[in-house]
């Protein structure tokens, strides 16, 4: 027995899969891919920007925070 992950590109494909399941040729396991891969957002985004860009963004953020803290 093999387990496969299938992405349907057409609504008729689901009907065909249900017919195959009714004939006991396959078993449909309802499990979405997104729920099976529970990764932290920080892990998914790690490395998406360079260290230099991250440093510049952090400096700008600190500058913005300091601007809000001054008395007007």
Protein backbone atom coordinates (compact mmCIF):
# COMPACT_ATOMS: atom_id res chain seq x y z
CA UNK A 1 0.00 0.00 0.00
CA UNK A 2 1.23 3.50 -0.85
CA UNK A 3 0.17 6.89 0.49
CA UNK A 4 0.03 9.73 -2.03
CA UNK A 5 -0.70 13.43 -1.74
CA UNK A 6 -2.90 14.66 -4.58
CA UNK A 7 -3.73 18.21 -5.61
CA UNK A 8 -6.92 18.38 -7.65
CA UNK A 9 -7.05 20.85 -10.53
CA UNK A 10 -10.67 20.23 -11.40
CA UNK A 11 -13.82 19.75 -9.33
CA UNK A 12 -14.66 16.60 -11.32
CA UNK A 13 -11.51 14.95 -9.96
CA UNK A 14 -12.98 14.87 -6.47
CA UNK A 15 -16.02 13.02 -7.79
CA UNK A 16 -13.78 10.47 -9.49
CA UNK A 17 -11.82 9.98 -6.29
CA UNK A 18 -15.05 9.46 -4.35
CA UNK A 19 -16.14 6.83 -6.89
CA UNK A 20 -12.82 5.00 -6.52
CA UNK A 21 -13.26 5.11 -2.73
CA UNK A 22 -16.78 3.68 -3.07
CA UNK A 23 -15.29 0.76 -5.02
CA UNK A 24 -12.77 0.22 -2.18
CA UNK A 25 -9.90 0.84 -4.58
CA UNK A 26 -8.59 3.82 -2.61
CA UNK A 27 -9.16 5.42 0.77
CA UNK A 28 -9.54 9.19 0.90
CA UNK A 29 -7.96 10.73 3.96
CA UNK A 30 -9.07 14.34 4.43
CA UNK A 31 -5.96 16.07 5.62
CA UNK A 32 -4.99 19.49 4.34
CA UNK A 33 -1.32 20.13 3.66
CA UNK A 34 -1.32 23.48 5.44
CA UNK A 35 -2.55 22.00 8.72
CA UNK A 36 -0.06 19.14 8.63
CA UNK A 37 2.88 21.55 8.33
CA UNK A 38 2.70 23.60 11.50
CA UNK A 39 5.88 25.64 11.27
CA UNK A 40 6.49 28.89 13.06
CA UNK A 41 6.27 32.01 10.94
CA UNK A 42 9.79 32.99 11.96
CA UNK A 43 11.10 29.64 10.65
CA UNK A 44 9.30 30.08 7.32
CA UNK A 45 10.61 33.62 6.87
CA UNK A 46 14.17 32.98 8.07
CA UNK A 47 16.62 34.13 5.40
CA UNK A 48 14.01 35.89 3.27
CA UNK A 49 15.91 39.19 3.63
CA UNK A 50 19.63 39.77 3.87
CA UNK A 51 21.37 40.58 7.15
CA UNK A 52 22.25 44.02 5.81
CA UNK A 53 18.62 44.80 4.95
CA UNK A 54 17.48 43.53 8.35
CA UNK A 55 20.04 45.75 10.08
CA UNK A 56 18.89 48.83 8.12
CA UNK A 57 15.24 48.07 8.89
CA UNK A 58 16.05 47.68 12.59
CA UNK A 59 17.92 51.00 12.64
CA UNK A 60 14.98 52.75 10.97
CA UNK A 61 12.59 51.19 13.47
CA UNK A 62 14.68 52.39 16.40
CA UNK A 63 14.83 55.89 14.88
CA UNK A 64 11.05 55.91 14.50
CA UNK A 65 10.58 54.81 18.11
CA UNK A 66 12.89 57.57 19.32
CA UNK A 67 10.94 60.17 17.35
CA UNK A 68 7.71 59.19 19.08
CA UNK A 69 9.29 59.42 22.54
CA UNK A 70 10.41 63.04 22.30
CA UNK A 71 8.40 65.81 23.92
CA UNK A 72 6.61 68.17 21.60
